[in-house]
């Protein structure tokens, strides 16, 4: 079998090191040089000829993270790697997956085209904003699920019969329903109306939460405005407590301030995106073991379905 080598992009070095440790080997040596104007030039400091190469980099904005990944893929292909797999814990621009108004870009498809054009043979990611983005790729895609991380943690809380799941918006109903089905409990939905991006105009709760311990489920938390507003309304409806789980901690703008001031008892996230600052209400779970197991499965030609809850 080809030798397996793992390399880290600049944005995801800490997570990549943890993935490599769980996989059972050290990260490969890669130098990312920069010209004075910021132009990037990656070079592998060891041979990758004939190797199965895994390049670990989340593509959250700014665009440098995405371009860096594409340059790494191109460098590996030109260095005669056997196969190149882009390991993208957080796939950026996934919210733009369709034309929801005239004259806009379908950015998720464009990014998929860029990664394929760079030469990736496979992509591995976690909790895409919309499952249909898998169809934007013409190469194998391993779509890991954050539930493998969150379910054991939620079970450790032992919330018992008071547990109920909630979706902060209509678009996330399928995610919340999957958790509710697994735990054999009920779910509710928060119906929101936006005037513009990142600004909630109004919201209402569909379902009964009185006396319940509510878990809000989402794939990402950006400014945390929707999450915090939903938590406030749910608590006003008579819930005992409200906590939230979200795979990707984008946390831009006033997110940290919003979370600290919110009624959330905690926000549980993963380390697909490095945190910009600490918060007493934020608990971080790692996806390193999940990705390491997936890489083992891919290199061993085994099924990854065993990793799903």
C-alpha atoms as a PDB file:
ATOM      1  CA  UNK A   1       0.000   0.000   0.000  1.00  0.00           C
ATOM      2  CA  UNK A   2       1.182   3.562  -0.659  1.00  0.00           C
ATOM      3  CA  UNK A   3       2.746   5.389   2.267  1.00  0.00           C
ATOM      4  CA  UNK A   4       0.335   7.767   4.028  1.00  0.00           C
ATOM      5  CA  UNK A   5       1.459  11.317   4.789  1.00  0.00           C
ATOM      6  CA  UNK A   6      -0.491  14.064   6.557  1.00  0.00           C
ATOM      7  CA  UNK A   7       0.197  17.781   6.163  1.00  0.00           C
ATOM      8  CA  UNK A   8      -1.338  20.851   7.814  1.00  0.00           C
ATOM      9  CA  UNK A   9      -2.395  24.167   6.378  1.00  0.00           C
ATOM     10  CA  UNK A  10      -1.613  27.349   8.299  1.00  0.00           C
ATOM     11  CA  UNK A  11      -5.160  27.798   9.609  1.00  0.00           C
ATOM     12  CA  UNK A  12      -5.609  24.283  11.002  1.00  0.00           C
ATOM     13  CA  UNK A  13      -2.222  23.322  12.465  1.00  0.00           C
ATOM     14  CA  UNK A  14      -3.426  22.549  15.994  1.00  0.00           C
ATOM     15  CA  UNK A  15      -6.283  20.312  14.836  1.00  0.00           C
ATOM     16  CA  UNK A  16      -4.077  18.680  12.191  1.00  0.00           C
ATOM     17  CA  UNK A  17      -1.445  17.814  14.805  1.00  0.00           C
ATOM     18  CA  UNK A  18      -4.150  16.216  16.948  1.00  0.00           C
ATOM     19  CA  UNK A  19      -5.517  14.256  13.953  1.00  0.00           C
ATOM     20  CA  UNK A  20      -2.013  13.008  13.146  1.00  0.00           C
ATOM     21  CA  UNK A  21      -1.468  11.974  16.766  1.00  0.00           C
ATOM     22  CA  UNK A  22      -4.735  10.025  16.792  1.00  0.00           C
ATOM     23  CA  UNK A  23      -3.794   8.494  13.443  1.00  0.00           C
ATOM     24  CA  UNK A  24      -0.483   7.366  14.895  1.00  0.00           C
ATOM     25  CA  UNK A  25       2.171   9.398  13.105  1.00  0.00           C
ATOM     26  CA  UNK A  26       3.755  12.836  12.927  1.00  0.00           C
ATOM     27  CA  UNK A  27       2.669  15.574  10.561  1.00  0.00           C
ATOM     28  CA  UNK A  28       4.756  15.909   7.408  1.00  0.00           C
ATOM     29  CA  UNK A  29       7.018  18.905   6.912  1.00  0.00           C
ATOM     30  CA  UNK A  30       5.630  21.685   4.734  1.00  0.00           C
ATOM     31  CA  UNK A  31       6.912  25.234   4.289  1.00  0.00           C
ATOM     32  CA  UNK A  32       4.498  28.007   3.341  1.00  0.00           C
ATOM     33  CA  UNK A  33       6.638  30.868   2.060  1.00  0.00           C
ATOM     34  CA  UNK A  34       5.234  34.317   1.404  1.00  0.00           C
ATOM     35  CA  UNK A  35       6.403  37.144  -0.809  1.00  0.00           C
ATOM     36  CA  UNK A  36       6.331  40.659   0.620  1.00  0.00           C
ATOM     37  CA  UNK A  37       2.969  41.315  -1.021  1.00  0.00           C
ATOM     38  CA  UNK A  38       1.419  38.239   0.651  1.00  0.00           C
ATOM     39  CA  UNK A  39       1.632  35.851  -2.315  1.00  0.00           C
ATOM     40  CA  UNK A  40       1.901  32.282  -0.983  1.00  0.00           C
ATOM     41  CA  UNK A  41       4.254  29.546  -2.167  1.00  0.00           C
ATOM     42  CA  UNK A  42       3.962  26.097  -0.512  1.00  0.00           C
ATOM     43  CA  UNK A  43       6.724  23.511  -0.756  1.00  0.00           C
ATOM     44  CA  UNK A  44       6.959  20.007   0.714  1.00  0.00           C
ATOM     45  CA  UNK A  45      10.163  19.479   2.699  1.00  0.00           C
ATOM     46  CA  UNK A  46      10.045  15.721   2.141  1.00  0.00           C
ATOM     47  CA  UNK A  47       9.244  13.442  -0.756  1.00  0.00           C
ATOM     48  CA  UNK A  48       5.579  12.650  -1.444  1.00  0.00           C
ATOM     49  CA  UNK A  49       6.223  10.650  -4.625  1.00  0.00           C
ATOM     50  CA  UNK A  50       3.844   7.694  -4.728  1.00  0.00           C
ATOM     51  CA  UNK A  51       2.327   8.649  -1.339  1.00  0.00           C
ATOM     52  CA  UNK A  52      -1.317   8.908  -0.283  1.00  0.00           C
ATOM     53  CA  UNK A  53      -1.317  12.549   0.849  1.00  0.00           C
ATOM     54  CA  UNK A  54      -3.894  14.112   3.177  1.00  0.00           C
ATOM     55  CA  UNK A  55      -3.908  17.920   3.297  1.00  0.00           C
ATOM     56  CA  UNK A  56      -5.745  19.280   6.362  1.00  0.00           C
ATOM     57  CA  UNK A  57      -7.125  22.797   6.074  1.00  0.00           C
ATOM     58  CA  UNK A  58     -10.439  24.459   6.928  1.00  0.00           C
ATOM     59  CA  UNK A  59     -11.509  27.014   4.317  1.00  0.00           C
ATOM     60  CA  UNK A  60     -13.235  29.573   6.513  1.00  0.00           C
ATOM     61  CA  UNK A  61     -12.859  33.118   5.175  1.00  0.00           C
ATOM     62  CA  UNK A  62     -10.576  34.947   4.589  1.00  0.00           C
ATOM     63  CA  UNK A  63      -9.918  33.567   1.123  1.00  0.00           C
ATOM     64  CA  UNK A  64      -6.222  32.879   1.889  1.00  0.00           C
ATOM     65  CA  UNK A  65      -7.180  29.615   3.606  1.00  0.00           C
ATOM     66  CA  UNK A  66      -8.930  28.337   0.475  1.00  0.00           C
ATOM     67  CA  UNK A  67      -6.193  29.486  -1.890  1.00  0.00           C
ATOM     68  CA  UNK A  68      -3.541  27.952   0.359  1.00  0.00           C
ATOM     69  CA  UNK A  69      -5.347  24.584   0.216  1.00  0.00           C
ATOM     70  CA  UNK A  70      -5.538  24.733  -3.586  1.00  0.00           C
ATOM     71  CA  UNK A  71      -1.826  25.586  -3.833  1.00  0.00           C
ATOM     72  CA  UNK A  72      -0.972  22.678  -1.497  1.00  0.00           C
ATOM     73  CA  UNK A  73      -3.026  20.290  -3.648  1.00  0.00           C
ATOM     74  CA  UNK A  74      -1.314  21.531  -6.813  1.00  0.00           C
ATOM     75  CA  UNK A  75       2.140  21.204  -5.222  1.00  0.00           C
ATOM     76  CA  UNK A  76       1.417  17.620  -4.110  1.00  0.00           C
ATOM     77  CA  UNK A  77       0.151  16.593  -7.566  1.00  0.00           C
ATOM     78  CA  UNK A  78       3.202  18.125  -9.258  1.00  0.00           C
ATOM     79  CA  UNK A  79       5.408  16.276  -6.761  1.00  0.00           C
ATOM     80  CA  UNK A  80       3.935  12.968  -8.058  1.00  0.00           C
ATOM     81  CA  UNK A  81       1.748  12.079  -5.089  1.00  0.00           C
ATOM     82  CA  UNK A  82      -0.247   8.881  -5.651  1.00  0.00           C
ATOM     83  CA  UNK A  83      -3.526  10.357  -4.365  1.00  0.00           C
ATOM     84  CA  UNK A  84      -4.356  13.708  -2.763  1.00  0.00           C
ATOM     85  CA  UNK A  85      -7.220  14.005  -0.289  1.00  0.00           C
ATOM     86  CA  UNK A  86      -8.331  17.449   0.863  1.00  0.00           C
ATOM     87  CA  UNK A  87      -9.394  17.157   4.518  1.00  0.00           C
ATOM     88  CA  UNK A  88     -11.619  20.193   5.048  1.00  0.00           C
ATOM     89  CA  UNK A  89     -13.095  20.114   8.583  1.00  0.00           C
ATOM     90  CA  UNK A  90     -15.058  23.291   7.837  1.00  0.00           C
ATOM     91  CA  UNK A  91     -16.116  23.875   4.224  1.00  0.00           C
ATOM     92  CA  UNK A  92     -16.465  27.639   3.812  1.00  0.00           C
ATOM     93  CA  UNK A  93     -18.927  29.449   1.540  1.00  0.00           C
ATOM     94  CA  UNK A  94     -21.381  26.562   2.001  1.00  0.00           C
ATOM     95  CA  UNK A  95     -24.222  28.941   2.875  1.00  0.00           C
ATOM     96  CA  UNK A  96     -24.266  30.093  -0.746  1.00  0.00           C
ATOM     97  CA  UNK A  97     -25.489  26.805  -2.194  1.00  0.00           C
ATOM     98  CA  UNK A  98     -28.257  28.088  -4.504  1.00  0.00           C
ATOM     99  CA  UNK A  99     -29.619  31.190  -6.217  1.00  0.00           C
ATOM    100  CA  UNK A 100     -32.068  32.459  -3.612  1.00  0.00           C
ATOM    101  CA  UNK A 101     -32.316  35.852  -5.320  1.00  0.00           C
ATOM    102  CA  UNK A 102     -31.374  37.223  -8.754  1.00  0.00           C
ATOM    103  CA  UNK A 103     -27.782  37.868  -9.871  1.00  0.00           C
ATOM    104  CA  UNK A 104     -25.889  36.094  -7.072  1.00  0.00           C
ATOM    105  CA  UNK A 105     -23.124  33.508  -7.111  1.00  0.00           C
ATOM    106  CA  UNK A 106     -23.551  29.860  -6.149  1.00  0.00           C
ATOM    107  CA  UNK A 107     -20.285  30.080  -4.224  1.00  0.00           C
ATOM    108  CA  UNK A 108     -20.348  26.513  -2.836  1.00  0.00           C
ATOM    109  CA  UNK A 109     -20.270  25.103  -6.387  1.00  0.00           C
ATOM    110  CA  UNK A 110     -17.483  27.494  -7.385  1.00  0.00           C
ATOM    111  CA  UNK A 111     -15.365  26.405  -4.400  1.00  0.00           C
ATOM    112  CA  UNK A 112     -15.996  22.736  -5.254  1.00  0.00           C
ATOM    113  CA  UNK A 113     -14.821  23.410  -8.818  1.00  0.00           C
ATOM    114  CA  UNK A 114     -11.685  25.138  -7.541  1.00  0.00           C
ATOM    115  CA  UNK A 115     -10.713  22.241  -5.275  1.00  0.00           C
ATOM    116  CA  UNK A 116     -11.289  19.701  -8.069  1.00  0.00           C
ATOM    117  CA  UNK A 117      -9.428  21.833 -10.630  1.00  0.00           C
ATOM    118  CA  UNK A 118      -6.465  22.077  -8.245  1.00  0.00           C
ATOM    119  CA  UNK A 119      -6.216  18.282  -8.519  1.00  0.00           C
ATOM    120  CA  UNK A 120      -7.825  16.774  -5.406  1.00  0.00           C
ATOM    121  CA  UNK A 121      -8.740  13.098  -5.812  1.00  0.00           C
ATOM    122  CA  UNK A 122     -10.980  13.028  -2.743  1.00  0.00           C
ATOM    123  CA  UNK A 123     -12.460  15.382  -0.166  1.00  0.00           C
ATOM    124  CA  UNK A 124     -13.291  14.741   3.470  1.00  0.00           C
ATOM    125  CA  UNK A 125     -15.399  17.197   5.446  1.00  0.00           C
ATOM    126  CA  UNK A 126     -17.853  17.469   8.344  1.00  0.00           C
ATOM    127  CA  UNK A 127     -21.446  18.743   8.640  1.00  0.00           C
ATOM    128  CA  UNK A 128     -21.908  20.634   5.394  1.00  0.00           C
ATOM    129  CA  UNK A 129     -24.412  23.481   5.701  1.00  0.00           C
ATOM    130  CA  UNK A 130     -26.561  21.699   3.115  1.00  0.00           C
ATOM    131  CA  UNK A 131     -26.228  18.010   2.313  1.00  0.00           C
ATOM    132  CA  UNK A 132     -26.789  18.547  -1.417  1.00  0.00           C
ATOM    133  CA  UNK A 133     -23.376  20.243  -1.670  1.00  0.00           C
ATOM    134  CA  UNK A 134     -21.985  16.697  -1.855  1.00  0.00           C
ATOM    135  CA  UNK A 135     -23.408  16.616  -5.384  1.00  0.00           C
ATOM    136  CA  UNK A 136     -21.273  19.615  -6.401  1.00  0.00           C
ATOM    137  CA  UNK A 137     -18.203  17.346  -6.406  1.00  0.00           C
ATOM    138  CA  UNK A 138     -17.345  14.847  -9.142  1.00  0.00           C
ATOM    139  CA  UNK A 139     -14.850  13.084  -6.863  1.00  0.00           C
ATOM    140  CA  UNK A 140     -15.487  10.872  -3.790  1.00  0.00           C
ATOM    141  CA  UNK A 141     -16.599  12.873  -0.764  1.00  0.00           C
ATOM    142  CA  UNK A 142     -16.620  11.575   2.812  1.00  0.00           C
ATOM    143  CA  UNK A 143     -19.210  13.578   4.763  1.00  0.00           C
ATOM    144  CA  UNK A 144     -18.615  13.030   8.482  1.00  0.00           C
ATOM    145  CA  UNK A 145     -21.296  13.841  11.026  1.00  0.00           C
ATOM    146  CA  UNK A 146     -20.796  15.898  14.187  1.00  0.00           C
ATOM    147  CA  UNK A 147     -23.379  13.768  15.976  1.00  0.00           C
ATOM    148  CA  UNK A 148     -20.604  11.238  16.608  1.00  0.00           C
ATOM    149  CA  UNK A 149     -19.061  13.898  18.875  1.00  0.00           C
ATOM    150  CA  UNK A 150     -22.170  15.474  20.398  1.00  0.00           C
ATOM    151  CA  UNK A 151     -24.289  12.395  21.201  1.00  0.00           C
ATOM    152  CA  UNK A 152     -21.852  10.920  23.787  1.00  0.00           C
ATOM    153  CA  UNK A 153     -21.544  14.341  25.434  1.00  0.00           C
ATOM    154  CA  UNK A 154     -25.304  14.844  25.622  1.00  0.00           C
ATOM    155  CA  UNK A 155     -25.712  11.368  27.108  1.00  0.00           C
ATOM    156  CA  UNK A 156     -23.162  12.265  29.792  1.00  0.00           C
ATOM    157  CA  UNK A 157     -25.402  15.167  30.904  1.00  0.00           C
ATOM    158  CA  UNK A 158     -28.132  12.670  31.831  1.00  0.00           C
ATOM    159  CA  UNK A 159     -31.021  15.080  31.204  1.00  0.00           C
ATOM    160  CA  UNK A 160     -33.539  12.233  31.365  1.00  0.00           C
ATOM    161  CA  UNK A 161     -37.187  12.720  30.428  1.00  0.00           C
ATOM    162  CA  UNK A 162     -36.868  16.518  30.351  1.00  0.00           C
ATOM    163  CA  UNK A 163     -34.671  16.471  27.240  1.00  0.00           C
ATOM    164  CA  UNK A 164     -36.083  18.048  24.076  1.00  0.00           C
ATOM    165  CA  UNK A 165     -34.362  19.248  20.903  1.00  0.00           C
ATOM    166  CA  UNK A 166     -34.988  22.480  19.004  1.00  0.00           C
ATOM    167  CA  UNK A 167     -34.037  23.855  15.615  1.00  0.00           C
ATOM    168  CA  UNK A 168     -33.203  27.594  15.623  1.00  0.00           C
ATOM    169  CA  UNK A 169     -34.750  27.894  12.144  1.00  0.00           C
ATOM    170  CA  UNK A 170     -36.861  25.933   9.687  1.00  0.00           C
ATOM    171  CA  UNK A 171     -33.811  25.040   7.572  1.00  0.00           C
ATOM    172  CA  UNK A 172     -32.269  23.035  10.409  1.00  0.00           C
ATOM    173  CA  UNK A 173     -35.309  20.857  11.178  1.00  0.00           C
ATOM    174  CA  UNK A 174     -33.764  17.681   9.716  1.00  0.00           C
ATOM    175  CA  UNK A 175     -30.710  18.010  11.981  1.00  0.00           C
ATOM    176  CA  UNK A 176     -32.802  18.492  15.132  1.00  0.00           C
ATOM    177  CA  UNK A 177     -35.160  15.681  14.107  1.00  0.00           C
ATOM    178  CA  UNK A 178     -32.233  13.269  13.729  1.00  0.00           C
ATOM    179  CA  UNK A 179     -31.138  13.937  17.329  1.00  0.00           C
ATOM    180  CA  UNK A 180     -34.711  13.715  18.623  1.00  0.00           C
ATOM    181  CA  UNK A 181     -35.188  10.387  16.854  1.00  0.00           C
ATOM    182  CA  UNK A 182     -31.944   8.990  18.262  1.00  0.00           C
ATOM    183  CA  UNK A 183     -32.832  10.000  21.847  1.00  0.00           C
ATOM    184  CA  UNK A 184     -36.522   9.123  21.312  1.00  0.00           C
ATOM    185  CA  UNK A 185     -37.730  12.537  22.476  1.00  0.00           C
ATOM    186  CA  UNK A 186     -39.744  15.418  21.012  1.00  0.00           C
ATOM    187  CA  UNK A 187     -38.517  18.454  19.097  1.00  0.00           C
ATOM    188  CA  UNK A 188     -39.670  22.037  18.497  1.00  0.00           C
ATOM    189  CA  UNK A 189     -38.912  24.596  15.793  1.00  0.00           C
ATOM    190  CA  UNK A 190     -38.076  28.293  15.982  1.00  0.00           C
ATOM    191  CA  UNK A 191     -39.525  30.079  12.968  1.00  0.00           C
ATOM    192  CA  UNK A 192     -37.525  33.215  12.176  1.00  0.00           C
ATOM    193  CA  UNK A 193     -37.868  36.057   9.704  1.00  0.00           C
ATOM    194  CA  UNK A 194     -34.839  38.042   8.524  1.00  0.00           C
ATOM    195  CA  UNK A 195     -34.778  41.553   7.098  1.00  0.00           C
ATOM    196  CA  UNK A 196     -31.144  41.110   6.035  1.00  0.00           C
ATOM    197  CA  UNK A 197     -28.202  38.726   6.575  1.00  0.00           C
ATOM    198  CA  UNK A 198     -27.162  38.197  10.221  1.00  0.00           C
ATOM    199  CA  UNK A 199     -30.164  40.173  11.506  1.00  0.00           C
ATOM    200  CA  UNK A 200     -33.308  38.493  12.880  1.00  0.00           C
ATOM    201  CA  UNK A 201     -36.475  40.603  12.578  1.00  0.00           C
ATOM    202  CA  UNK A 202     -38.893  38.274  14.390  1.00  0.00           C
ATOM    203  CA  UNK A 203     -39.087  34.731  15.792  1.00  0.00           C
ATOM    204  CA  UNK A 204     -41.643  32.386  17.319  1.00  0.00           C
ATOM    205  CA  UNK A 205     -41.494  28.874  18.829  1.00  0.00           C
ATOM    206  CA  UNK A 206     -43.584  26.093  17.304  1.00  0.00           C
ATOM    207  CA  UNK A 207     -44.099  23.460  20.001  1.00  0.00           C
ATOM    208  CA  UNK A 208     -44.262  23.137  23.804  1.00  0.00           C
ATOM    209  CA  UNK A 209     -41.054  23.583  25.856  1.00  0.00           C
ATOM    210  CA  UNK A 210     -42.512  24.245  29.322  1.00  0.00           C
ATOM    211  CA  UNK A 211     -40.503  22.474  32.049  1.00  0.00           C
ATOM    212  CA  UNK A 212     -38.030  21.011  29.538  1.00  0.00           C
ATOM    213  CA  UNK A 213     -34.240  21.087  29.146  1.00  0.00           C
ATOM    214  CA  UNK A 214     -33.836  22.265  25.572  1.00  0.00           C
ATOM    215  CA  UNK A 215     -30.882  21.579  23.251  1.00  0.00           C
ATOM    216  CA  UNK A 216     -30.666  23.845  20.203  1.00  0.00           C
ATOM    217  CA  UNK A 217     -29.039  22.081  17.233  1.00  0.00           C
ATOM    218  CA  UNK A 218     -27.250  23.816  14.358  1.00  0.00           C
ATOM    219  CA  UNK A 219     -24.363  23.154  11.978  1.00  0.00           C
ATOM    220  CA  UNK A 220     -22.663  26.497  12.614  1.00  0.00           C
ATOM    221  CA  UNK A 221     -22.889  29.578  14.794  1.00  0.00           C
ATOM    222  CA  UNK A 222     -21.780  32.854  13.193  1.00  0.00           C
ATOM    223  CA  UNK A 223     -22.785  36.060  14.975  1.00  0.00           C
ATOM    224  CA  UNK A 224     -24.854  33.910  17.399  1.00  0.00           C
ATOM    225  CA  UNK A 225     -27.784  36.314  16.978  1.00  0.00           C
ATOM    226  CA  UNK A 226     -30.267  33.632  15.919  1.00  0.00           C
ATOM    227  CA  UNK A 227     -29.076  31.157  18.547  1.00  0.00           C
ATOM    228  CA  UNK A 228     -29.250  33.662  21.405  1.00  0.00           C
ATOM    229  CA  UNK A 229     -32.645  35.016  20.304  1.00  0.00           C
ATOM    230  CA  UNK A 230     -34.043  31.477  20.081  1.00  0.00           C
ATOM    231  CA  UNK A 231     -32.685  30.644  23.549  1.00  0.00           C
ATOM    232  CA  UNK A 232     -34.293  33.763  25.027  1.00  0.00           C
ATOM    233  CA  UNK A 233     -37.714  33.021  23.520  1.00  0.00           C
ATOM    234  CA  UNK A 234     -37.561  29.339  24.548  1.00  0.00           C
ATOM    235  CA  UNK A 235     -36.742  30.299  28.149  1.00  0.00           C
ATOM    236  CA  UNK A 236     -39.606  32.814  28.126  1.00  0.00           C
ATOM    237  CA  UNK A 237     -41.893  29.930  27.094  1.00  0.00           C
ATOM    238  CA  UNK A 238     -41.121  28.148  30.377  1.00  0.00           C
ATOM    239  CA  UNK A 239     -38.104  25.932  29.619  1.00  0.00           C
ATOM    240  CA  UNK A 240     -35.890  24.854  32.543  1.00  0.00           C
ATOM    241  CA  UNK A 241     -32.651  25.421  30.626  1.00  0.00           C
ATOM    242  CA  UNK A 242     -31.354  26.036  27.116  1.00  0.00           C
ATOM    243  CA  UNK A 243     -28.008  24.902  25.738  1.00  0.00           C
ATOM    244  CA  UNK A 244     -26.821  24.759  22.130  1.00  0.00           C
ATOM    245  CA  UNK A 245     -24.636  22.478  20.031  1.00  0.00           C
ATOM    246  CA  UNK A 246     -23.053  23.626  16.760  1.00  0.00           C
ATOM    247  CA  UNK A 247     -20.268  21.936  14.827  1.00  0.00           C
ATOM    248  CA  UNK A 248     -18.580  24.998  13.345  1.00  0.00           C
ATOM    249  CA  UNK A 249     -17.739  28.009  15.518  1.00  0.00           C
ATOM    250  CA  UNK A 250     -17.464  30.794  12.936  1.00  0.00           C
ATOM    251  CA  UNK A 251     -18.106  33.371  15.711  1.00  0.00           C
ATOM    252  CA  UNK A 252     -17.754  36.656  13.857  1.00  0.00           C
ATOM    253  CA  UNK A 253     -18.805  40.203  14.733  1.00  0.00           C
ATOM    254  CA  UNK A 254     -20.243  40.467  18.266  1.00  0.00           C
ATOM    255  CA  UNK A 255     -20.632  36.685  18.638  1.00  0.00           C
ATOM    256  CA  UNK A 256     -18.638  36.337  21.860  1.00  0.00           C
ATOM    257  CA  UNK A 257     -20.420  39.306  23.441  1.00  0.00           C
ATOM    258  CA  UNK A 258     -23.804  37.921  22.367  1.00  0.00           C
ATOM    259  CA  UNK A 259     -23.029  34.492  23.845  1.00  0.00           C
ATOM    260  CA  UNK A 260     -21.774  35.881  27.157  1.00  0.00           C
ATOM    261  CA  UNK A 261     -24.916  38.017  27.560  1.00  0.00           C
ATOM    262  CA  UNK A 262     -27.297  35.261  26.445  1.00  0.00           C
ATOM    263  CA  UNK A 263     -29.450  32.953  28.576  1.00  0.00           C
ATOM    264  CA  UNK A 264     -27.637  29.905  27.145  1.00  0.00           C
ATOM    265  CA  UNK A 265     -26.254  27.659  29.881  1.00  0.00           C
ATOM    266  CA  UNK A 266     -23.530  26.584  27.449  1.00  0.00           C
ATOM    267  CA  UNK A 267     -22.597  26.487  23.771  1.00  0.00           C
ATOM    268  CA  UNK A 268     -20.946  23.209  22.770  1.00  0.00           C
ATOM    269  CA  UNK A 269     -18.833  23.371  19.607  1.00  0.00           C
ATOM    270  CA  UNK A 270     -16.013  21.467  17.905  1.00  0.00           C
ATOM    271  CA  UNK A 271     -12.518  22.547  16.898  1.00  0.00           C
ATOM    272  CA  UNK A 272     -13.065  22.551  13.104  1.00  0.00           C
ATOM    273  CA  UNK A 273     -12.329  26.306  13.327  1.00  0.00           C
ATOM    274  CA  UNK A 274      -9.859  27.638  15.904  1.00  0.00           C
ATOM    275  CA  UNK A 275     -11.413  29.885  18.561  1.00  0.00           C
ATOM    276  CA  UNK A 276     -10.458  33.556  18.438  1.00  0.00           C
ATOM    277  CA  UNK A 277     -10.902  34.037  22.201  1.00  0.00           C
ATOM    278  CA  UNK A 278     -11.993  32.181  25.318  1.00  0.00           C
ATOM    279  CA  UNK A 279     -15.483  32.219  26.809  1.00  0.00           C
ATOM    280  CA  UNK A 280     -16.842  30.748  30.010  1.00  0.00           C
ATOM    281  CA  UNK A 281     -19.987  29.585  28.181  1.00  0.00           C
ATOM    282  CA  UNK A 282     -18.217  27.820  25.312  1.00  0.00           C
ATOM    283  CA  UNK A 283     -17.168  24.170  25.578  1.00  0.00           C
ATOM    284  CA  UNK A 284     -14.989  22.736  22.801  1.00  0.00           C
ATOM    285  CA  UNK A 285     -15.065  19.066  21.759  1.00  0.00           C
ATOM    286  CA  UNK A 286     -12.474  17.764  19.298  1.00  0.00           C
ATOM    287  CA  UNK A 287     -13.116  16.090  15.943  1.00  0.00           C
ATOM    288  CA  UNK A 288      -9.518  14.827  15.740  1.00  0.00           C
ATOM    289  CA  UNK A 289     -10.297  11.191  16.569  1.00  0.00           C
ATOM    290  CA  UNK A 290     -13.256  11.171  14.159  1.00  0.00           C
ATOM    291  CA  UNK A 291     -11.111  12.382  11.247  1.00  0.00           C
ATOM    292  CA  UNK A 292      -8.243  10.054  12.175  1.00  0.00           C
ATOM    293  CA  UNK A 293     -10.603   7.076  12.080  1.00  0.00           C
ATOM    294  CA  UNK A 294     -11.983   8.248   8.724  1.00  0.00           C
ATOM    295  CA  UNK A 295      -8.465   8.514   7.275  1.00  0.00           C
ATOM    296  CA  UNK A 296      -7.710   4.988   8.527  1.00  0.00           C
ATOM    297  CA  UNK A 297     -10.894   3.764   6.831  1.00  0.00           C
ATOM    298  CA  UNK A 298     -10.056   5.476   3.526  1.00  0.00           C
ATOM    299  CA  UNK A 299      -6.471   4.217   3.394  1.00  0.00           C
ATOM    300  CA  UNK A 300      -7.587   0.714   4.385  1.00  0.00           C
ATOM    301  CA  UNK A 301     -10.487   0.674   1.909  1.00  0.00           C
ATOM    302  CA  UNK A 302     -12.913   0.173   4.802  1.00  0.00           C
ATOM    303  CA  UNK A 303     -16.403   1.609   5.210  1.00  0.00           C
ATOM    304  CA  UNK A 304     -16.764   4.861   7.148  1.00  0.00           C
ATOM    305  CA  UNK A 305     -20.450   4.239   7.919  1.00  0.00           C
ATOM    306  CA  UNK A 306     -19.434   2.773  11.279  1.00  0.00           C
ATOM    307  CA  UNK A 307     -18.426   6.311  12.300  1.00  0.00           C
ATOM    308  CA  UNK A 308     -21.988   7.583  11.990  1.00  0.00           C
ATOM    309  CA  UNK A 309     -24.426   7.648  14.900  1.00  0.00           C
END
